[in-house]
């Protein structure tokens, strides 16, 4: 064995907790997709496995990748307060549905606003775009749910996320093209929208 291979071998540390986590993940995938079989992962078994996949039973996320840099209008379908997993900072998570004015109508994107002093300007732009503010500009809604059904606009930016391109609003939110805050009447806020991740 070469010196380089010896050095690499010495740096490998087996972590039982990580191995257990990987085993749990594989078990979960097996349950979702069915058993992969003994010889899965190479050879002739792959063709049989792929031929027997029932992709119709796999739930589509509904997320779309929009045209980078283009202005879109959205209806806020879900709004939820949360905390960032790494920092513990408060966040506002939004699921935004593309309006009927665009070829991607009905597709959704997700955006997360961090509610810290340096980033609060994005939340302020959301409040202003939805019209949910008093004369001083303070939020007058009743929790995050007050945003649901509001129509907003924004320029889209695409970024890699979890191995694929995801769209979100680039910078702040703006009023719809009509120039006035709008709330969609009788908008179905309980339809099957992606869950927050």
N, C-alpha and C. Protein backbone atom coordinates (compact mmCIF):
# COMPACT_ATOMS: atom_id res chain seq x y z
N UNK A 1 0.85 -1.19 0.00
CA UNK A 1 0.00 0.00 0.00
C UNK A 1 0.89 1.24 0.00
N UNK A 2 0.57 2.22 -0.80
CA UNK A 2 1.38 3.42 -0.89
C UNK A 2 1.20 4.28 0.35
N UNK A 3 2.16 5.22 0.53
CA UNK A 3 2.10 6.14 1.66
C UNK A 3 0.81 6.97 1.63
N UNK A 4 0.43 7.39 0.41
CA UNK A 4 -0.78 8.20 0.26
C UNK A 4 -2.02 7.39 0.67
N UNK A 5 -2.11 6.14 0.22
CA UNK A 5 -3.25 5.30 0.58
C UNK A 5 -3.28 5.04 2.07
N UNK A 6 -2.09 4.83 2.69
CA UNK A 6 -2.03 4.64 4.15
C UNK A 6 -2.58 5.87 4.87
N UNK A 7 -2.21 7.05 4.41
CA UNK A 7 -2.66 8.30 5.06
C UNK A 7 -4.16 8.45 4.93
N UNK A 8 -4.70 8.10 3.75
CA UNK A 8 -6.14 8.21 3.57
C UNK A 8 -6.87 7.19 4.44
N UNK A 9 -6.33 5.99 4.53
CA UNK A 9 -6.96 4.95 5.32
C UNK A 9 -6.99 5.32 6.80
N UNK A 10 -5.95 5.97 7.28
CA UNK A 10 -5.89 6.36 8.68
C UNK A 10 -6.90 7.44 9.03
N UNK A 11 -7.29 8.27 8.06
CA UNK A 11 -8.21 9.36 8.35
C UNK A 11 -9.67 8.91 8.33
N UNK A 12 -9.94 7.71 7.88
CA UNK A 12 -11.32 7.21 7.83
C UNK A 12 -11.73 6.76 9.23
N UNK A 13 -12.79 7.34 9.74
CA UNK A 13 -13.30 6.98 11.05
C UNK A 13 -14.74 6.53 10.87
N UNK A 14 -15.05 5.32 11.31
CA UNK A 14 -16.41 4.82 11.17
C UNK A 14 -17.25 5.36 12.31
N UNK A 15 -18.34 5.99 11.97
CA UNK A 15 -19.24 6.58 12.95
C UNK A 15 -20.50 5.72 13.02
N UNK A 16 -20.69 4.97 14.11
CA UNK A 16 -21.87 4.10 14.22
C UNK A 16 -23.19 4.86 14.10
N UNK A 17 -23.24 6.07 14.63
CA UNK A 17 -24.48 6.86 14.56
C UNK A 17 -24.79 7.22 13.10
N UNK A 18 -23.74 7.59 12.35
CA UNK A 18 -23.95 7.94 10.94
C UNK A 18 -24.36 6.71 10.15
N UNK A 19 -23.75 5.56 10.45
CA UNK A 19 -24.11 4.32 9.76
C UNK A 19 -25.57 3.95 10.04
N UNK A 20 -26.01 4.12 11.28
CA UNK A 20 -27.40 3.83 11.64
C UNK A 20 -28.35 4.79 10.93
N UNK A 21 -27.95 6.06 10.81
CA UNK A 21 -28.78 7.05 10.13
C UNK A 21 -28.92 6.70 8.65
N UNK A 22 -27.83 6.25 8.03
CA UNK A 22 -27.86 5.85 6.63
C UNK A 22 -28.76 4.62 6.47
N UNK A 23 -28.64 3.64 7.37
CA UNK A 23 -29.49 2.46 7.31
C UNK A 23 -30.97 2.83 7.43
N UNK A 24 -31.29 3.77 8.33
CA UNK A 24 -32.67 4.22 8.49
C UNK A 24 -33.18 4.88 7.21
N UNK A 25 -32.31 5.69 6.60
CA UNK A 25 -32.67 6.38 5.36
C UNK A 25 -32.95 5.37 4.25
N UNK A 26 -32.09 4.36 4.12
CA UNK A 26 -32.27 3.33 3.09
C UNK A 26 -33.56 2.55 3.35
N UNK A 27 -33.83 2.23 4.61
CA UNK A 27 -35.07 1.53 4.94
C UNK A 27 -36.29 2.35 4.55
N UNK A 28 -36.23 3.66 4.81
CA UNK A 28 -37.34 4.54 4.45
C UNK A 28 -37.55 4.56 2.94
N UNK A 29 -36.44 4.64 2.18
CA UNK A 29 -36.55 4.62 0.73
C UNK A 29 -37.13 3.29 0.24
N UNK A 30 -36.69 2.19 0.86
CA UNK A 30 -37.22 0.88 0.50
C UNK A 30 -38.73 0.84 0.69
N UNK A 31 -39.21 1.42 1.78
CA UNK A 31 -40.65 1.42 2.04
C UNK A 31 -41.39 2.26 1.02
N UNK A 32 -40.80 3.39 0.62
CA UNK A 32 -41.46 4.27 -0.33
C UNK A 32 -41.46 3.70 -1.75
N UNK A 33 -40.38 3.07 -2.13
CA UNK A 33 -40.25 2.61 -3.51
C UNK A 33 -40.39 1.10 -3.67
N UNK A 34 -40.55 0.39 -2.57
CA UNK A 34 -40.60 -1.06 -2.63
C UNK A 34 -39.20 -1.62 -2.50
N UNK A 35 -39.09 -2.85 -2.20
CA UNK A 35 -37.80 -3.47 -1.98
C UNK A 35 -36.95 -3.43 -3.25
N UNK A 36 -35.70 -3.13 -3.07
CA UNK A 36 -34.79 -3.06 -4.20
C UNK A 36 -34.27 -4.44 -4.59
N UNK A 37 -34.47 -5.44 -3.76
CA UNK A 37 -33.99 -6.77 -4.07
C UNK A 37 -32.55 -6.96 -3.66
N UNK A 38 -32.12 -8.19 -3.66
CA UNK A 38 -30.79 -8.53 -3.18
C UNK A 38 -29.68 -7.94 -4.03
N UNK A 39 -29.82 -7.99 -5.34
CA UNK A 39 -28.71 -7.57 -6.19
C UNK A 39 -28.83 -6.15 -6.69
N UNK A 40 -29.69 -5.35 -6.09
CA UNK A 40 -29.92 -4.00 -6.60
C UNK A 40 -28.67 -3.17 -6.52
N UNK A 41 -28.59 -2.20 -7.40
CA UNK A 41 -27.44 -1.31 -7.40
C UNK A 41 -26.49 -1.61 -8.53
N UNK A 42 -26.76 -2.59 -9.34
CA UNK A 42 -25.88 -2.88 -10.46
C UNK A 42 -26.35 -4.11 -11.19
N UNK A 43 -26.07 -4.15 -12.45
CA UNK A 43 -26.36 -5.35 -13.22
C UNK A 43 -27.79 -5.44 -13.70
N UNK A 44 -28.21 -6.70 -13.92
CA UNK A 44 -29.51 -6.98 -14.53
C UNK A 44 -30.70 -6.64 -13.63
N UNK A 45 -30.50 -6.63 -12.31
CA UNK A 45 -31.61 -6.34 -11.40
C UNK A 45 -32.14 -4.92 -11.57
N UNK A 46 -31.29 -3.99 -12.02
CA UNK A 46 -31.72 -2.61 -12.19
C UNK A 46 -32.86 -2.49 -13.19
N UNK A 47 -32.75 -3.20 -14.31
CA UNK A 47 -33.79 -3.12 -15.34
C UNK A 47 -35.13 -3.59 -14.80
N UNK A 48 -35.11 -4.68 -14.04
CA UNK A 48 -36.36 -5.20 -13.47
C UNK A 48 -36.92 -4.23 -12.43
N UNK A 49 -36.04 -3.71 -11.59
CA UNK A 49 -36.46 -2.75 -10.57
C UNK A 49 -37.11 -1.54 -11.22
N UNK A 50 -36.44 -0.95 -12.23
CA UNK A 50 -36.96 0.25 -12.89
C UNK A 50 -38.26 -0.03 -13.62
N UNK A 51 -38.38 -1.20 -14.21
CA UNK A 51 -39.60 -1.56 -14.92
C UNK A 51 -40.80 -1.68 -13.98
N UNK A 52 -40.54 -2.00 -12.71
CA UNK A 52 -41.63 -2.21 -11.75
C UNK A 52 -41.91 -1.00 -10.86
N UNK A 53 -41.23 0.11 -11.10
CA UNK A 53 -41.50 1.32 -10.31
C UNK A 53 -42.89 1.86 -10.60
N UNK A 54 -43.61 2.25 -9.57
CA UNK A 54 -44.92 2.87 -9.73
C UNK A 54 -44.77 4.36 -9.46
N UNK A 55 -44.31 5.10 -10.45
CA UNK A 55 -44.05 6.53 -10.27
C UNK A 55 -45.33 7.33 -10.10
N UNK A 56 -46.46 6.80 -10.50
CA UNK A 56 -47.73 7.49 -10.32
C UNK A 56 -48.06 7.65 -8.84
N UNK A 57 -47.52 6.77 -8.00
CA UNK A 57 -47.81 6.85 -6.57
C UNK A 57 -46.87 7.81 -5.83
N UNK A 58 -45.85 8.31 -6.51
CA UNK A 58 -44.90 9.24 -5.89
C UNK A 58 -45.46 10.65 -6.02
N UNK A 59 -45.61 11.33 -4.89
CA UNK A 59 -46.21 12.67 -4.86
C UNK A 59 -45.28 13.70 -5.50
N UNK A 60 -45.82 14.47 -6.45
CA UNK A 60 -45.07 15.55 -7.07
C UNK A 60 -45.03 16.73 -6.11
N UNK A 61 -43.90 17.41 -6.05
CA UNK A 61 -43.77 18.53 -5.11
C UNK A 61 -44.57 19.74 -5.53
N UNK A 62 -44.83 19.89 -6.84
CA UNK A 62 -45.55 21.08 -7.32
C UNK A 62 -44.63 22.27 -7.55
N UNK A 63 -43.37 22.17 -7.10
CA UNK A 63 -42.44 23.28 -7.29
C UNK A 63 -42.07 23.41 -8.75
N UNK A 64 -41.91 24.64 -9.21
CA UNK A 64 -41.50 24.91 -10.58
C UNK A 64 -40.25 25.77 -10.56
N UNK A 65 -39.50 25.68 -11.63
CA UNK A 65 -38.37 26.59 -11.83
C UNK A 65 -38.85 27.63 -12.83
N UNK A 66 -38.85 28.88 -12.41
CA UNK A 66 -39.34 29.97 -13.24
C UNK A 66 -38.20 30.59 -14.03
N UNK A 67 -38.51 31.52 -14.91
CA UNK A 67 -37.50 32.18 -15.72
C UNK A 67 -36.71 33.15 -14.83
N UNK A 68 -35.42 32.91 -14.74
CA UNK A 68 -34.54 33.72 -13.90
C UNK A 68 -34.58 35.18 -14.33
N UNK A 69 -34.77 36.09 -13.38
CA UNK A 69 -34.75 37.52 -13.65
C UNK A 69 -36.08 38.09 -14.12
N UNK A 70 -37.09 37.26 -14.33
CA UNK A 70 -38.39 37.74 -14.82
C UNK A 70 -39.29 38.12 -13.65
N UNK A 71 -40.13 39.13 -13.87
CA UNK A 71 -41.15 39.54 -12.90
C UNK A 71 -42.33 38.57 -12.97
N UNK A 72 -42.83 38.16 -11.81
CA UNK A 72 -44.01 37.30 -11.71
C UNK A 72 -44.93 37.86 -10.64
N UNK A 73 -46.19 37.49 -10.72
CA UNK A 73 -47.12 37.76 -9.64
C UNK A 73 -47.55 36.44 -9.03
N UNK A 74 -47.79 36.47 -7.73
CA UNK A 74 -48.09 35.27 -6.97
C UNK A 74 -49.28 35.50 -6.04
N UNK A 75 -49.95 34.42 -5.69
CA UNK A 75 -50.91 34.40 -4.60
C UNK A 75 -50.21 33.66 -3.46
N UNK A 76 -50.23 34.22 -2.27
CA UNK A 76 -49.64 33.54 -1.12
C UNK A 76 -50.59 32.43 -0.69
N UNK A 77 -50.14 31.19 -0.83
CA UNK A 77 -50.97 30.03 -0.51
C UNK A 77 -50.78 29.58 0.94
N UNK A 78 -49.58 29.71 1.45
CA UNK A 78 -49.29 29.33 2.84
C UNK A 78 -48.29 30.31 3.41
N UNK A 79 -48.43 30.58 4.69
CA UNK A 79 -47.49 31.42 5.41
C UNK A 79 -47.35 30.84 6.80
N UNK A 80 -46.12 30.70 7.25
CA UNK A 80 -45.88 30.03 8.53
C UNK A 80 -44.65 30.61 9.20
N UNK A 81 -44.74 30.84 10.49
CA UNK A 81 -43.57 31.23 11.26
C UNK A 81 -42.77 30.00 11.64
N UNK A 82 -41.47 30.13 11.68
CA UNK A 82 -40.60 29.00 12.01
C UNK A 82 -39.30 29.55 12.58
N UNK A 83 -38.38 28.66 12.87
CA UNK A 83 -37.04 29.03 13.31
C UNK A 83 -36.03 28.31 12.44
N UNK A 84 -34.95 29.01 12.08
CA UNK A 84 -33.89 28.40 11.28
C UNK A 84 -33.23 27.28 12.08
N UNK A 85 -33.00 26.16 11.41
CA UNK A 85 -32.43 25.00 12.09
C UNK A 85 -31.01 25.26 12.59
N UNK A 86 -30.23 26.01 11.86
CA UNK A 86 -28.83 26.21 12.24
C UNK A 86 -28.62 27.37 13.20
N UNK A 87 -29.36 28.46 13.03
CA UNK A 87 -29.12 29.65 13.85
C UNK A 87 -30.17 29.88 14.92
N UNK A 88 -31.35 29.29 14.73
CA UNK A 88 -32.45 29.53 15.67
C UNK A 88 -33.17 30.85 15.43
N UNK A 89 -32.77 31.59 14.38
CA UNK A 89 -33.43 32.86 14.07
C UNK A 89 -34.86 32.61 13.60
N UNK A 90 -35.75 33.54 13.93
CA UNK A 90 -37.14 33.46 13.46
C UNK A 90 -37.17 33.65 11.95
N UNK A 91 -38.09 32.90 11.31
CA UNK A 91 -38.28 33.02 9.87
C UNK A 91 -39.77 33.05 9.54
N UNK A 92 -40.07 33.51 8.36
CA UNK A 92 -41.42 33.45 7.81
C UNK A 92 -41.31 32.69 6.50
N UNK A 93 -41.93 31.50 6.44
CA UNK A 93 -41.89 30.68 5.24
C UNK A 93 -43.16 30.90 4.44
N UNK A 94 -42.99 31.08 3.14
CA UNK A 94 -44.11 31.35 2.25
C UNK A 94 -44.14 30.33 1.11
N UNK A 95 -45.33 29.85 0.77
CA UNK A 95 -45.53 29.09 -0.46
C UNK A 95 -46.31 30.03 -1.37
N UNK A 96 -45.73 30.31 -2.54
CA UNK A 96 -46.28 31.28 -3.48
C UNK A 96 -46.71 30.57 -4.76
N UNK A 97 -47.96 30.79 -5.17
CA UNK A 97 -48.47 30.18 -6.40
C UNK A 97 -48.47 31.20 -7.52
N UNK A 98 -47.91 30.81 -8.67
CA UNK A 98 -47.87 31.69 -9.84
C UNK A 98 -49.30 31.93 -10.32
N UNK A 99 -49.63 33.20 -10.59
CA UNK A 99 -50.99 33.55 -11.01
C UNK A 99 -51.27 33.12 -12.44
N UNK A 100 -52.52 33.24 -12.82
CA UNK A 100 -52.99 32.81 -14.14
C UNK A 100 -52.39 33.61 -15.29
N UNK A 101 -51.69 34.69 -15.01
CA UNK A 101 -51.14 35.57 -16.05
C UNK A 101 -49.89 35.01 -16.72
N UNK A 102 -49.39 33.87 -16.28
CA UNK A 102 -48.10 33.36 -16.74
C UNK A 102 -48.23 31.91 -17.21
N UNK A 103 -47.36 31.48 -18.14
CA UNK A 103 -47.41 30.08 -18.60
C UNK A 103 -47.24 29.06 -17.47
N UNK A 104 -46.54 29.44 -16.41
CA UNK A 104 -46.30 28.53 -15.28
C UNK A 104 -47.42 28.59 -14.25
N UNK A 105 -48.57 29.14 -14.62
CA UNK A 105 -49.70 29.33 -13.69
C UNK A 105 -50.00 28.07 -12.90
N UNK A 106 -50.19 28.24 -11.60
CA UNK A 106 -50.48 27.12 -10.73
C UNK A 106 -49.24 26.49 -10.12
N UNK A 107 -48.09 26.72 -10.72
CA UNK A 107 -46.84 26.21 -10.15
C UNK A 107 -46.51 26.99 -8.90
N UNK A 108 -45.74 26.40 -8.02
CA UNK A 108 -45.42 27.06 -6.76
C UNK A 108 -43.91 27.16 -6.54
N UNK A 109 -43.55 28.18 -5.78
CA UNK A 109 -42.18 28.34 -5.29
C UNK A 109 -42.28 28.57 -3.78
N UNK A 110 -41.19 28.38 -3.10
CA UNK A 110 -41.16 28.63 -1.67
C UNK A 110 -40.11 29.69 -1.39
N UNK A 111 -40.38 30.56 -0.44
CA UNK A 111 -39.43 31.58 -0.05
C UNK A 111 -39.40 31.66 1.47
N UNK A 112 -38.24 31.90 2.01
CA UNK A 112 -38.08 32.03 3.46
C UNK A 112 -37.49 33.39 3.77
N UNK A 113 -38.17 34.14 4.62
CA UNK A 113 -37.70 35.45 5.04
C UNK A 113 -37.12 35.32 6.45
N UNK A 114 -35.89 35.77 6.62
CA UNK A 114 -35.26 35.75 7.94
C UNK A 114 -35.66 37.02 8.67
N UNK A 115 -36.14 36.87 9.91
CA UNK A 115 -36.67 38.01 10.66
C UNK A 115 -35.64 38.49 11.69
N UNK A 116 -34.51 38.96 11.18
CA UNK A 116 -33.47 39.57 12.00
C UNK A 116 -33.30 41.01 11.53
N UNK A 117 -32.78 41.90 12.38
CA UNK A 117 -32.66 43.31 11.97
C UNK A 117 -32.01 43.53 10.60
N UNK A 118 -30.89 42.87 10.26
CA UNK A 118 -30.30 43.15 8.95
C UNK A 118 -31.14 42.67 7.77
N UNK A 119 -32.02 41.71 7.99
CA UNK A 119 -32.81 41.14 6.89
C UNK A 119 -34.28 41.52 6.96
N UNK A 120 -34.68 42.29 7.95
CA UNK A 120 -36.10 42.61 8.15
C UNK A 120 -36.69 43.43 7.01
N UNK A 121 -35.86 44.04 6.18
CA UNK A 121 -36.36 44.83 5.06
C UNK A 121 -37.19 43.98 4.11
N UNK A 122 -36.90 42.68 3.99
CA UNK A 122 -37.69 41.82 3.10
C UNK A 122 -39.10 41.63 3.68
N UNK A 123 -39.19 41.42 4.99
CA UNK A 123 -40.50 41.28 5.62
C UNK A 123 -41.29 42.59 5.47
N UNK A 124 -40.59 43.70 5.66
CA UNK A 124 -41.24 45.01 5.50
C UNK A 124 -41.79 45.17 4.08
N UNK A 125 -41.03 44.71 3.08
CA UNK A 125 -41.51 44.81 1.69
C UNK A 125 -42.74 43.93 1.48
N UNK A 126 -42.79 42.78 2.16
CA UNK A 126 -43.96 41.90 2.08
C UNK A 126 -45.18 42.58 2.69
N UNK A 127 -45.00 43.18 3.85
CA UNK A 127 -46.10 43.88 4.53
C UNK A 127 -46.61 45.02 3.64
N UNK A 128 -45.70 45.76 3.05
CA UNK A 128 -46.10 46.88 2.19
C UNK A 128 -46.82 46.39 0.93
N UNK A 129 -46.30 45.32 0.31
CA UNK A 129 -46.90 44.80 -0.92
C UNK A 129 -48.29 44.23 -0.68
N UNK A 130 -48.54 43.70 0.51
CA UNK A 130 -49.85 43.12 0.81
C UNK A 130 -50.84 44.15 1.35
N UNK A 131 -50.34 45.31 1.73
CA UNK A 131 -51.21 46.35 2.29
C UNK A 131 -51.59 46.10 3.74
N UNK A 132 -50.95 45.15 4.38
CA UNK A 132 -51.27 44.81 5.78
C UNK A 132 -50.46 45.65 6.75
N UNK A 133 -50.63 46.97 6.64
CA UNK A 133 -49.89 47.89 7.51
C UNK A 133 -50.73 49.10 7.84
N UNK A 134 -50.36 49.76 8.95
CA UNK A 134 -51.04 51.01 9.31
C UNK A 134 -50.31 52.18 8.65
N UNK A 135 -50.72 53.40 8.99
CA UNK A 135 -50.12 54.58 8.38
C UNK A 135 -48.63 54.70 8.67
N UNK A 136 -48.18 54.17 9.80
CA UNK A 136 -46.77 54.22 10.16
C UNK A 136 -45.97 53.10 9.50
N UNK A 137 -46.66 52.17 8.83
CA UNK A 137 -45.98 51.06 8.16
C UNK A 137 -45.86 49.81 9.00
N UNK A 138 -46.47 49.80 10.19
CA UNK A 138 -46.40 48.62 11.06
C UNK A 138 -47.40 47.56 10.64
N UNK A 139 -47.02 46.31 10.82
CA UNK A 139 -47.85 45.16 10.43
C UNK A 139 -49.12 45.13 11.27
N UNK A 140 -50.28 44.98 10.60
CA UNK A 140 -51.55 44.96 11.32
C UNK A 140 -52.29 43.64 11.16
N UNK A 141 -51.64 42.65 10.54
CA UNK A 141 -52.28 41.35 10.35
C UNK A 141 -52.40 40.59 11.66
N UNK A 142 -53.14 39.50 11.62
CA UNK A 142 -53.33 38.64 12.79
C UNK A 142 -52.48 37.39 12.60
N UNK A 143 -51.19 37.48 12.83
CA UNK A 143 -50.29 36.35 12.61
C UNK A 143 -49.94 36.20 11.14
N UNK A 144 -49.20 35.15 10.84
CA UNK A 144 -48.75 34.93 9.46
C UNK A 144 -49.90 34.56 8.52
N UNK A 145 -50.95 33.98 9.06
CA UNK A 145 -52.08 33.57 8.23
C UNK A 145 -52.75 34.72 7.50
N UNK A 146 -52.57 35.95 7.97
CA UNK A 146 -53.18 37.10 7.30
C UNK A 146 -52.62 37.31 5.89
N UNK A 147 -51.42 36.78 5.62
CA UNK A 147 -50.83 36.92 4.29
C UNK A 147 -51.49 36.00 3.25
N UNK A 148 -52.10 34.91 3.72
CA UNK A 148 -52.67 33.92 2.80
C UNK A 148 -53.78 34.56 1.97
N UNK A 149 -53.69 34.38 0.65
CA UNK A 149 -54.66 34.93 -0.28
C UNK A 149 -54.24 36.27 -0.87
N UNK A 150 -53.21 36.89 -0.33
CA UNK A 150 -52.74 38.17 -0.87
C UNK A 150 -51.98 37.96 -2.17
N UNK A 151 -52.14 38.91 -3.08
CA UNK A 151 -51.43 38.88 -4.37
C UNK A 151 -50.23 39.83 -4.28
N UNK A 152 -49.06 39.33 -4.64
CA UNK A 152 -47.83 40.13 -4.59
C UNK A 152 -47.03 39.92 -5.87
N UNK A 153 -46.05 40.76 -6.08
CA UNK A 153 -45.17 40.63 -7.24
C UNK A 153 -43.73 40.58 -6.80
N UNK A 154 -42.89 40.14 -7.72
CA UNK A 154 -41.46 40.11 -7.45
C UNK A 154 -40.68 39.54 -8.60
N UNK A 155 -39.41 39.92 -8.65
CA UNK A 155 -38.50 39.39 -9.66
C UNK A 155 -37.91 38.09 -9.13
N UNK A 156 -37.80 37.09 -9.97
CA UNK A 156 -37.38 35.75 -9.55
C UNK A 156 -35.87 35.56 -9.74
N UNK A 157 -35.31 34.82 -8.79
CA UNK A 157 -33.90 34.41 -8.88
C UNK A 157 -33.85 32.90 -8.67
N UNK A 158 -33.10 32.22 -9.51
CA UNK A 158 -32.93 30.77 -9.39
C UNK A 158 -31.58 30.46 -8.75
N UNK A 159 -31.61 29.52 -7.81
CA UNK A 159 -30.39 29.10 -7.12
C UNK A 159 -30.44 27.59 -6.93
N UNK A 160 -29.25 26.95 -6.89
CA UNK A 160 -29.25 25.51 -6.63
C UNK A 160 -29.69 25.22 -5.20
N UNK A 161 -30.52 24.19 -5.04
CA UNK A 161 -30.97 23.75 -3.72
C UNK A 161 -31.22 22.27 -3.77
N UNK A 162 -30.54 21.53 -2.95
CA UNK A 162 -30.73 20.09 -2.83
C UNK A 162 -30.67 19.38 -4.19
N UNK A 163 -29.69 19.76 -5.00
CA UNK A 163 -29.45 19.09 -6.27
C UNK A 163 -30.29 19.56 -7.44
N UNK A 164 -31.10 20.59 -7.26
CA UNK A 164 -31.90 21.11 -8.37
C UNK A 164 -31.99 22.62 -8.26
N UNK A 165 -32.46 23.25 -9.33
CA UNK A 165 -32.64 24.70 -9.32
C UNK A 165 -33.99 25.02 -8.70
N UNK A 166 -33.98 25.95 -7.76
CA UNK A 166 -35.23 26.41 -7.12
C UNK A 166 -35.34 27.91 -7.30
N UNK A 167 -36.56 28.35 -7.53
CA UNK A 167 -36.84 29.78 -7.71
C UNK A 167 -37.31 30.38 -6.40
N UNK A 168 -36.98 31.64 -6.19
CA UNK A 168 -37.50 32.42 -5.07
C UNK A 168 -37.51 33.87 -5.50
N UNK A 169 -38.16 34.71 -4.71
CA UNK A 169 -38.20 36.13 -5.05
C UNK A 169 -36.84 36.73 -4.73
N UNK A 170 -36.29 37.44 -5.69
CA UNK A 170 -34.98 38.08 -5.55
C UNK A 170 -35.17 39.45 -4.91
N UNK A 171 -34.71 39.60 -3.71
CA UNK A 171 -34.84 40.88 -3.02
C UNK A 171 -36.21 41.03 -2.40
N UNK A 172 -36.78 42.23 -2.54
CA UNK A 172 -38.05 42.51 -1.89
C UNK A 172 -39.25 42.18 -2.74
N UNK A 173 -40.40 42.19 -2.08
CA UNK A 173 -41.69 41.97 -2.74
C UNK A 173 -42.24 43.33 -3.14
N UNK A 174 -43.04 43.34 -4.20
CA UNK A 174 -43.61 44.60 -4.66
C UNK A 174 -45.11 44.44 -4.88
N UNK A 175 -45.76 45.58 -5.03
CA UNK A 175 -47.20 45.57 -5.32
C UNK A 175 -47.45 44.89 -6.66
N UNK A 176 -48.63 44.29 -6.82
CA UNK A 176 -48.98 43.75 -8.14
C UNK A 176 -48.98 44.88 -9.17
N UNK A 177 -48.97 44.52 -10.44
CA UNK A 177 -48.90 45.53 -11.51
C UNK A 177 -50.01 46.57 -11.42
N UNK A 178 -51.14 46.22 -10.84
CA UNK A 178 -52.24 47.18 -10.69
C UNK A 178 -51.90 48.31 -9.73
N UNK A 179 -50.85 48.15 -8.93
CA UNK A 179 -50.41 49.21 -8.03
C UNK A 179 -51.13 49.25 -6.71
N UNK A 180 -52.10 48.38 -6.49
CA UNK A 180 -52.85 48.35 -5.24
C UNK A 180 -52.74 46.95 -4.62
N UNK A 181 -52.66 46.90 -3.28
CA UNK A 181 -52.67 45.57 -2.65
C UNK A 181 -53.97 44.85 -2.98
N UNK A 182 -53.87 43.55 -3.18
CA UNK A 182 -55.05 42.75 -3.50
C UNK A 182 -55.10 41.52 -2.61
N UNK A 183 -56.31 41.14 -2.24
CA UNK A 183 -56.52 39.86 -1.57
C UNK A 183 -57.51 39.10 -2.43
N UNK A 184 -57.11 37.90 -2.83
CA UNK A 184 -57.97 37.10 -3.69
C UNK A 184 -59.20 36.66 -2.90
N UNK A 185 -60.38 36.88 -3.47
CA UNK A 185 -61.61 36.50 -2.80
C UNK A 185 -61.87 35.00 -2.91
N UNK A 186 -62.30 34.39 -1.81
CA UNK A 186 -62.63 32.96 -1.79
C UNK A 186 -61.53 32.09 -2.39
N UNK A 187 -60.30 32.43 -2.15
CA UNK A 187 -59.20 31.65 -2.71
C UNK A 187 -59.05 30.38 -1.90
N UNK A 188 -58.88 29.26 -2.57
CA UNK A 188 -58.79 27.96 -1.91
C UNK A 188 -57.43 27.82 -1.24
N UNK A 189 -57.38 28.10 0.04
CA UNK A 189 -56.12 28.03 0.77
C UNK A 189 -55.86 26.64 1.34
N UNK A 190 -56.77 25.72 1.16
CA UNK A 190 -56.60 24.38 1.71
C UNK A 190 -56.28 23.34 0.63
N UNK A 191 -56.07 23.76 -0.60
CA UNK A 191 -55.77 22.79 -1.64
C UNK A 191 -54.42 22.15 -1.40
N UNK A 192 -54.10 21.14 -2.18
CA UNK A 192 -52.88 20.38 -1.93
C UNK A 192 -51.65 21.18 -2.37
N UNK A 193 -51.06 21.85 -1.46
CA UNK A 193 -49.84 22.60 -1.68
C UNK A 193 -48.69 21.88 -1.01
N UNK A 194 -47.47 22.08 -1.49
CA UNK A 194 -46.33 21.44 -0.85
C UNK A 194 -46.22 21.84 0.62
N UNK A 195 -45.81 20.89 1.42
CA UNK A 195 -45.58 21.18 2.84
C UNK A 195 -44.25 21.90 2.96
N UNK A 196 -44.10 22.65 4.01
CA UNK A 196 -42.84 23.32 4.28
C UNK A 196 -41.79 22.29 4.60
N UNK A 197 -40.59 22.53 4.10
CA UNK A 197 -39.48 21.60 4.37
C UNK A 197 -38.40 22.29 5.15
